[in-house]
Amino acid sequence: MANWIDLGTRTNGRNAGQVIHCPGYIIESLLRDECFVERDLEIITKVSYQNYEMAFASSDEGYYNASYVVNITRNEIALVNYYFGANLQVSLDGAYASWSVGDKCFVFNIQGNKKIDAASFDVVGKTIDGSRKDWKFSKSINSKTDAYSLINEICYESFLMLHSVNGVYKLVALDAGPAVATLTKPLITMGDPQIKVDLTPLSEVYSSFRLKYNYNYAKGEYLQEYFCDKNSSTTGATGLSAYKTKCLNAETNYRVKRKFEYSANWIYDSATALAFIKKLMDWLTIQRTIINWSSSISDSIFNGSMLDIGDLVKVDYPLGKVLTYTLVDGGITYAVGNIITLIQTGGSNCTFRVDSVDGATGKILTMTMLTGGQGYMPEASLTTSVSPDIGSGALITVNTVTSPTIIPLSKNNSAIFMIYAKQINIRNGQPSIDYALLEMV
């Protein structure tokens, strides 16, 4: 590894000079060494043994500080201590007496320390508790390949997501975890909450899995594999047999019998391959909820900062158009936390949570809809059932029905979602934020 791995206050258990196997740091290396580069340079003026002028692309003062100059002609590498933009001149970290006018050079890690969110990469790769700390990757690159294509392949095989915000790259593991915020206030337009709920495609649900890995370049074949379906799995693979149930459930619940096969080009290590195929089965044996959520700028601020791509959130909202209602005395007293089910012949039920009651009468003061139904008519007095079992027979009058359909989210109080896309829009002259949320597993 280059010295960026433990630069300054960065503490991740990794050290310069070590071979990189962690997928997160391979991605960081590709960005710094292959993407943040200027090629086809040559020394124009040798000012001193330490200072050299070249036709650099930027004349901004200090722009190439902390980057590296590779002198291809001399097979040497030097750190840039300072860049004098007005003169297109680098001052190197030592005296390089053999360097001469006409030497062919290139520069890498340009602005690397500013373009990399190092903390996010360390969350993935640090040796103590990094989410991919034990994943081991390696690959021979024996033909000209675009660096970003390699990065995309690594991200796929390690369940990582790389994104850029204002020119800064951030790495996120596609894992469930604690939510940093709970979304409760969607944008309301013409009385309608701006929420859309969908599921991942059924075509992405599989019931049988086979993973090939540890590619041998001399033989031109993969030397090892793992497999799992509802009937069997690779013998001796720790914990893999338990995933037969997931394969069975995929066939039973979704009526699919579809095989997923993949050949991993970066994975050579058995423990990494086992972790990867388990992640594949966690993700691809079920349909997961997708939510498109719009909110105002002010309602997107949590703990002083705005939500960003990669953040984990919960959703606490009925995800539909809400009925307005009035409680009619039915002779029942209620307690905070009671769940009331609204019942109407010919319609589907919806449920409410009692949030506050009149201490003297036990009548409901406020309640929150948890799941929605459909088919309700205004002015209809509907019977209720109550849980815990304290009787039934109270009436609720529906005052208005803003939509014949309410879209429920059955796991709205427990599911964890990751923000995987974000866009700022203008609605009715006001800025709003659109989030695309994917349920984690």
Foldseek 3Di string as FASTA:
>chain_A
DAQVCPPDPRAQQDHPPDDDFQLLVVLLCLCFAPPQKDFFWWFADPPFQFKTAIPDPALDWFQQAQKKKQQPQVRDIWHFHTAHSVRNMTGTPDGNPVGDGGTGIMITRGCVVVQEPVVQSSCQDRCPHHVRPPAGWDFDDDDDDDSVVVSVLSCLQQQKDWDGDPNHIGIAHQFDDDAQEEQEDFDADPLWGPKDKDKDDLVLAEAKEKEFEQADPVVRGGDDMWIEGLPDTDPPLPPRPVLSVLSVCLCVVSVDHHYDYDYRRTHNDPVSRSVRVVQSSVPRSDIWMKMKTKHAPVSQADPRDGDDFNGKYFYQAQQFRDWDKDWDDFPFAADAQKKKWWDDPPKDIWIKGQHDADPVRNHGDDIHTQYDIFDDDAQDWTWIAIPPHPDTGITMGTHDDPDRDTDGDPCRPPWMWGFHDKDWDADPNGIMMITIIITGD
